[in-house]
Amino acid sequence: MKVLGSAVVVLVMGIVLGCGGAPPPVDLLASTEGAIRGAEEAGAAKDPQGALHLKLAKEEVTEAKALMDDDDNEIAQRKLRRAEADAEVAHAYAEKAATLEEASEAVKDLQKVKKGK
């Protein structure tokens, strides 16, 4: 009887420890979705490389949500970190495009001023 009780304790501990994985990365999900919104607002979709990274970020978030539904939270966390990085890259491409556009406008303005002299 004592052996059976010990076996039950070991079995229960195994189940508890096996199910005690990482908690759902809900904070990381929220910050990643915020990074994606920021990239969208910055105009990442207008730049081909920005649009690609934005698309990747959205796909990775979708995959991470499915993993979270399956309690694969560690893998979901890695997907979300990758998605957040892709969103940041998309944002950088959007900023680059905006900076190049501003520089182009400044050159045009300078040429107008030179013609006016």
N, C-alpha and C. Protein backbone atom coordinates (compact mmCIF):
# COMPACT_ATOMS: atom_id res chain seq x y z
N MET A 1 0.82 -1.20 0.00
CA MET A 1 0.00 0.00 0.00
C MET A 1 0.86 1.26 0.00
N LYS A 2 1.97 1.21 0.73
CA LYS A 2 2.86 2.35 0.79
C LYS A 2 3.50 2.61 -0.58
N VAL A 3 3.83 1.56 -1.31
CA VAL A 3 4.42 1.69 -2.63
C VAL A 3 3.42 2.32 -3.59
N LEU A 4 2.17 1.89 -3.50
CA LEU A 4 1.13 2.45 -4.36
C LEU A 4 0.95 3.93 -4.07
N GLY A 5 0.95 4.33 -2.82
CA GLY A 5 0.83 5.74 -2.44
C GLY A 5 1.98 6.56 -2.97
N SER A 6 3.19 6.03 -2.91
CA SER A 6 4.36 6.73 -3.44
C SER A 6 4.28 6.88 -4.94
N ALA A 7 3.79 5.83 -5.61
CA ALA A 7 3.65 5.88 -7.06
C ALA A 7 2.64 6.95 -7.46
N VAL A 8 1.56 7.06 -6.71
CA VAL A 8 0.54 8.07 -7.00
C VAL A 8 1.13 9.47 -6.83
N VAL A 9 1.89 9.66 -5.76
CA VAL A 9 2.51 10.97 -5.51
C VAL A 9 3.46 11.32 -6.66
N VAL A 10 4.27 10.37 -7.09
CA VAL A 10 5.21 10.60 -8.18
C VAL A 10 4.45 10.92 -9.47
N LEU A 11 3.38 10.20 -9.73
CA LEU A 11 2.58 10.44 -10.93
C LEU A 11 1.95 11.83 -10.91
N VAL A 12 1.38 12.20 -9.77
CA VAL A 12 0.75 13.52 -9.65
C VAL A 12 1.79 14.62 -9.80
N MET A 13 2.96 14.45 -9.21
CA MET A 13 4.03 15.45 -9.33
C MET A 13 4.48 15.57 -10.78
N GLY A 14 4.56 14.45 -11.46
CA GLY A 14 4.94 14.48 -12.87
C GLY A 14 3.95 15.24 -13.71
N ILE A 15 2.68 15.03 -13.44
CA ILE A 15 1.64 15.74 -14.18
C ILE A 15 1.70 17.24 -13.89
N VAL A 16 1.85 17.58 -12.63
CA VAL A 16 1.90 18.99 -12.23
C VAL A 16 3.12 19.67 -12.84
N LEU A 17 4.26 19.04 -12.76
CA LEU A 17 5.47 19.63 -13.30
C LEU A 17 5.43 19.68 -14.83
N GLY A 18 4.86 18.70 -15.44
CA GLY A 18 4.75 18.66 -16.89
C GLY A 18 3.85 19.75 -17.42
N CYS A 19 2.83 20.10 -16.68
CA CYS A 19 1.89 21.13 -17.12
C CYS A 19 2.29 22.51 -16.64
N GLY A 20 3.33 22.59 -15.87
CA GLY A 20 3.73 23.86 -15.28
C GLY A 20 4.67 24.64 -16.17
N GLY A 21 4.40 24.70 -17.46
CA GLY A 21 5.25 25.42 -18.40
C GLY A 21 5.17 26.91 -18.18
N ALA A 22 5.70 27.62 -19.13
CA ALA A 22 5.72 29.07 -19.05
C ALA A 22 4.31 29.63 -19.12
N PRO A 23 4.08 30.74 -18.44
CA PRO A 23 2.75 31.37 -18.51
C PRO A 23 2.55 31.99 -19.89
N PRO A 24 1.32 32.19 -20.29
CA PRO A 24 1.06 32.82 -21.58
C PRO A 24 1.71 34.21 -21.66
N PRO A 25 2.42 34.51 -22.73
CA PRO A 25 3.12 35.80 -22.84
C PRO A 25 2.19 36.93 -23.29
N VAL A 26 1.17 37.22 -22.50
CA VAL A 26 0.17 38.21 -22.89
C VAL A 26 0.74 39.62 -22.95
N ASP A 27 1.67 39.96 -22.06
CA ASP A 27 2.28 41.29 -22.10
C ASP A 27 3.11 41.46 -23.38
N LEU A 28 3.84 40.42 -23.73
CA LEU A 28 4.65 40.45 -24.94
C LEU A 28 3.76 40.52 -26.18
N LEU A 29 2.65 39.83 -26.14
CA LEU A 29 1.69 39.89 -27.25
C LEU A 29 1.19 41.32 -27.43
N ALA A 30 0.84 41.97 -26.33
CA ALA A 30 0.35 43.35 -26.41
C ALA A 30 1.41 44.31 -26.94
N SER A 31 2.64 44.17 -26.47
CA SER A 31 3.70 45.07 -26.95
C SER A 31 4.04 44.80 -28.41
N THR A 32 3.96 43.54 -28.82
CA THR A 32 4.23 43.20 -30.21
C THR A 32 3.14 43.77 -31.12
N GLU A 33 1.89 43.64 -30.71
CA GLU A 33 0.81 44.22 -31.49
C GLU A 33 0.94 45.74 -31.57
N GLY A 34 1.42 46.34 -30.49
CA GLY A 34 1.67 47.79 -30.49
C GLY A 34 2.78 48.17 -31.46
N ALA A 35 3.82 47.35 -31.51
CA ALA A 35 4.92 47.61 -32.44
C ALA A 35 4.44 47.49 -33.89
N ILE A 36 3.56 46.55 -34.15
CA ILE A 36 3.00 46.40 -35.49
C ILE A 36 2.16 47.62 -35.85
N ARG A 37 1.32 48.07 -34.92
CA ARG A 37 0.51 49.28 -35.17
C ARG A 37 1.40 50.49 -35.44
N GLY A 38 2.48 50.60 -34.66
CA GLY A 38 3.41 51.71 -34.86
C GLY A 38 4.05 51.69 -36.24
N ALA A 39 4.42 50.50 -36.70
CA ALA A 39 5.01 50.36 -38.03
C ALA A 39 3.99 50.72 -39.11
N GLU A 40 2.75 50.29 -38.90
CA GLU A 40 1.69 50.62 -39.87
C GLU A 40 1.47 52.13 -39.93
N GLU A 41 1.39 52.76 -38.77
CA GLU A 41 1.16 54.20 -38.71
C GLU A 41 2.31 54.99 -39.32
N ALA A 42 3.52 54.43 -39.23
CA ALA A 42 4.69 55.10 -39.80
C ALA A 42 4.74 54.94 -41.32
N GLY A 43 3.89 54.07 -41.87
CA GLY A 43 3.85 53.89 -43.32
C GLY A 43 4.69 52.74 -43.84
N ALA A 44 4.93 51.75 -43.02
CA ALA A 44 5.76 50.62 -43.44
C ALA A 44 5.20 49.89 -44.66
N ALA A 45 3.90 49.89 -44.81
CA ALA A 45 3.28 49.19 -45.94
C ALA A 45 3.60 49.85 -47.28
N LYS A 46 4.05 51.09 -47.26
CA LYS A 46 4.37 51.80 -48.50
C LYS A 46 5.74 51.41 -49.06
N ASP A 47 6.60 50.88 -48.21
CA ASP A 47 7.94 50.48 -48.62
C ASP A 47 7.95 48.97 -48.84
N PRO A 48 8.50 48.48 -49.95
CA PRO A 48 8.46 47.03 -50.21
C PRO A 48 9.09 46.18 -49.09
N GLN A 49 10.24 46.59 -48.61
CA GLN A 49 10.88 45.83 -47.53
C GLN A 49 10.11 45.99 -46.22
N GLY A 50 9.62 47.18 -45.98
CA GLY A 50 8.81 47.41 -44.79
C GLY A 50 7.54 46.58 -44.81
N ALA A 51 6.91 46.51 -45.98
CA ALA A 51 5.68 45.73 -46.12
C ALA A 51 5.96 44.24 -45.88
N LEU A 52 7.10 43.77 -46.37
CA LEU A 52 7.46 42.37 -46.15
C LEU A 52 7.63 42.06 -44.67
N HIS A 53 8.36 42.90 -43.97
CA HIS A 53 8.58 42.66 -42.54
C HIS A 53 7.29 42.83 -41.74
N LEU A 54 6.44 43.72 -42.17
CA LEU A 54 5.14 43.90 -41.52
C LEU A 54 4.29 42.64 -41.69
N LYS A 55 4.30 42.09 -42.90
CA LYS A 55 3.56 40.86 -43.18
C LYS A 55 4.10 39.71 -42.33
N LEU A 56 5.42 39.59 -42.25
CA LEU A 56 6.02 38.53 -41.44
C LEU A 56 5.63 38.68 -39.97
N ALA A 57 5.66 39.90 -39.47
CA ALA A 57 5.30 40.14 -38.07
C ALA A 57 3.87 39.72 -37.79
N LYS A 58 2.97 40.07 -38.70
CA LYS A 58 1.55 39.70 -38.51
C LYS A 58 1.37 38.18 -38.54
N GLU A 59 2.05 37.53 -39.46
CA GLU A 59 1.96 36.07 -39.55
C GLU A 59 2.50 35.41 -38.28
N GLU A 60 3.60 35.93 -37.77
CA GLU A 60 4.20 35.37 -36.55
C GLU A 60 3.29 35.57 -35.34
N VAL A 61 2.60 36.68 -35.28
CA VAL A 61 1.64 36.90 -34.19
C VAL A 61 0.50 35.90 -34.29
N THR A 62 0.01 35.67 -35.49
CA THR A 62 -1.07 34.70 -35.68
C THR A 62 -0.61 33.31 -35.23
N GLU A 63 0.61 32.94 -35.61
CA GLU A 63 1.16 31.65 -35.20
C GLU A 63 1.33 31.58 -33.68
N ALA A 64 1.80 32.68 -33.09
CA ALA A 64 2.00 32.71 -31.64
C ALA A 64 0.68 32.57 -30.89
N LYS A 65 -0.37 33.19 -31.39
CA LYS A 65 -1.69 33.06 -30.75
C LYS A 65 -2.16 31.61 -30.78
N ALA A 66 -1.94 30.94 -31.91
CA ALA A 66 -2.33 29.53 -32.01
C ALA A 66 -1.51 28.69 -31.03
N LEU A 67 -0.24 29.00 -30.92
CA LEU A 67 0.62 28.27 -29.96
C LEU A 67 0.16 28.52 -28.53
N MET A 68 -0.24 29.74 -28.23
CA MET A 68 -0.73 30.05 -26.89
C MET A 68 -2.01 29.29 -26.60
N ASP A 69 -2.87 29.15 -27.60
CA ASP A 69 -4.10 28.38 -27.43
C ASP A 69 -3.79 26.92 -27.11
N ASP A 70 -2.66 26.43 -27.63
CA ASP A 70 -2.24 25.04 -27.38
C ASP A 70 -1.32 24.92 -26.17
N ASP A 71 -1.17 26.00 -25.40
CA ASP A 71 -0.30 26.06 -24.22
C ASP A 71 1.17 25.82 -24.55
N ASP A 72 1.58 26.12 -25.76
CA ASP A 72 2.99 26.09 -26.15
C ASP A 72 3.56 27.50 -25.97
N ASN A 73 3.58 27.95 -24.73
CA ASN A 73 3.88 29.35 -24.44
C ASN A 73 5.33 29.73 -24.66
N GLU A 74 6.25 28.80 -24.45
CA GLU A 74 7.66 29.12 -24.68
C GLU A 74 7.92 29.36 -26.16
N ILE A 75 7.37 28.53 -27.00
CA ILE A 75 7.53 28.70 -28.45
C ILE A 75 6.79 29.97 -28.89
N ALA A 76 5.62 30.20 -28.32
CA ALA A 76 4.85 31.41 -28.64
C ALA A 76 5.65 32.66 -28.29
N GLN A 77 6.33 32.61 -27.16
CA GLN A 77 7.15 33.75 -26.74
C GLN A 77 8.26 34.02 -27.76
N ARG A 78 8.90 32.98 -28.24
CA ARG A 78 9.95 33.15 -29.24
C ARG A 78 9.38 33.72 -30.53
N LYS A 79 8.20 33.25 -30.94
CA LYS A 79 7.55 33.78 -32.14
C LYS A 79 7.24 35.27 -31.96
N LEU A 80 6.75 35.62 -30.78
CA LEU A 80 6.40 37.02 -30.53
C LEU A 80 7.63 37.92 -30.52
N ARG A 81 8.72 37.42 -30.00
CA ARG A 81 9.96 38.21 -30.02
C ARG A 81 10.41 38.45 -31.46
N ARG A 82 10.30 37.41 -32.28
CA ARG A 82 10.65 37.54 -33.69
C ARG A 82 9.69 38.52 -34.38
N ALA A 83 8.41 38.42 -34.06
CA ALA A 83 7.42 39.33 -34.66
C ALA A 83 7.70 40.77 -34.27
N GLU A 84 8.06 40.98 -33.01
CA GLU A 84 8.35 42.33 -32.55
C GLU A 84 9.58 42.88 -33.28
N ALA A 85 10.58 42.04 -33.47
CA ALA A 85 11.78 42.46 -34.20
C ALA A 85 11.42 42.80 -35.65
N ASP A 86 10.59 41.98 -36.28
CA ASP A 86 10.18 42.27 -37.65
C ASP A 86 9.38 43.57 -37.72
N ALA A 87 8.55 43.83 -36.73
CA ALA A 87 7.79 45.08 -36.71
C ALA A 87 8.72 46.28 -36.56
N GLU A 88 9.77 46.13 -35.75
CA GLU A 88 10.73 47.21 -35.59
C GLU A 88 11.51 47.46 -36.87
N VAL A 89 11.85 46.39 -37.59
CA VAL A 89 12.53 46.54 -38.88
C VAL A 89 11.60 47.23 -39.87
N ALA A 90 10.34 46.84 -39.89
CA ALA A 90 9.37 47.47 -40.78
C ALA A 90 9.26 48.96 -40.47
N HIS A 91 9.25 49.29 -39.20
CA HIS A 91 9.19 50.69 -38.78
C HIS A 91 10.42 51.45 -39.26
N ALA A 92 11.58 50.82 -39.17
CA ALA A 92 12.82 51.46 -39.62
C ALA A 92 12.78 51.73 -41.12
N TYR A 93 12.26 50.78 -41.89
CA TYR A 93 12.12 51.01 -43.34
C TYR A 93 11.17 52.16 -43.62
N ALA A 94 10.11 52.27 -42.84
CA ALA A 94 9.16 53.37 -43.02
C ALA A 94 9.84 54.71 -42.73
N GLU A 95 10.64 54.75 -41.67
CA GLU A 95 11.35 55.98 -41.32
C GLU A 95 12.37 56.34 -42.40
N LYS A 96 13.05 55.33 -42.92
CA LYS A 96 14.03 55.55 -43.99
C LYS A 96 13.33 56.16 -45.20
N ALA A 97 12.21 55.59 -45.59
CA ALA A 97 11.47 56.10 -46.75
C ALA A 97 11.02 57.54 -46.52
N ALA A 98 10.55 57.83 -45.32
CA ALA A 98 10.10 59.19 -45.01
C ALA A 98 11.28 60.17 -45.04
N THR A 99 12.43 59.75 -44.54
CA THR A 99 13.61 60.60 -44.54
C THR A 99 14.09 60.87 -45.96
N LEU A 100 14.08 59.83 -46.79
CA LEU A 100 14.48 60.01 -48.19
C LEU A 100 13.53 60.95 -48.93
N GLU A 101 12.25 60.84 -48.62
CA GLU A 101 11.26 61.73 -49.25
C GLU A 101 11.49 63.18 -48.82
N GLU A 102 11.77 63.38 -47.54
CA GLU A 102 12.04 64.72 -47.04
C GLU A 102 13.30 65.29 -47.69
N ALA A 103 14.32 64.46 -47.84
CA ALA A 103 15.56 64.91 -48.46
C ALA A 103 15.33 65.29 -49.92
N SER A 104 14.53 64.51 -50.61
CA SER A 104 14.21 64.80 -52.00
C SER A 104 13.48 66.14 -52.13
N GLU A 105 12.54 66.37 -51.22
CA GLU A 105 11.81 67.65 -51.22
C GLU A 105 12.75 68.82 -50.92
N ALA A 106 13.69 68.60 -50.02
CA ALA A 106 14.64 69.66 -49.69
C ALA A 106 15.53 69.99 -50.89
N VAL A 107 15.93 68.97 -51.63
CA VAL A 107 16.73 69.19 -52.84
C VAL A 107 15.93 69.97 -53.87
N LYS A 108 14.66 69.62 -54.05
CA LYS A 108 13.80 70.34 -55.00
C LYS A 108 13.65 71.81 -54.59
N ASP A 109 13.46 72.04 -53.29
CA ASP A 109 13.33 73.42 -52.80
C ASP A 109 14.61 74.20 -53.03
N LEU A 110 15.74 73.56 -52.82
CA LEU A 110 17.03 74.22 -53.03
C LEU A 110 17.22 74.57 -54.50
N GLN A 111 16.83 73.68 -55.38
CA GLN A 111 16.94 73.94 -56.82
C GLN A 111 16.04 75.11 -57.23
N LYS A 112 14.87 75.22 -56.63
CA LYS A 112 13.99 76.35 -56.92
C LYS A 112 14.62 77.66 -56.49
N VAL A 113 15.24 77.63 -55.32
CA VAL A 113 15.89 78.84 -54.79
C VAL A 113 17.04 79.24 -55.70
N LYS A 114 17.82 78.28 -56.14
CA LYS A 114 18.97 78.59 -57.01
C LYS A 114 18.50 79.15 -58.34
N LYS A 115 17.40 78.67 -58.89
CA LYS A 115 16.86 79.17 -60.16
C LYS A 115 16.32 80.58 -60.00
N GLY A 116 15.86 80.90 -58.82
CA GLY A 116 15.28 82.22 -58.57
C GLY A 116 16.33 83.31 -58.47
N LYS A 117 17.59 82.95 -58.29
CA LYS A 117 18.65 83.98 -58.14
C LYS A 117 19.05 84.56 -59.44
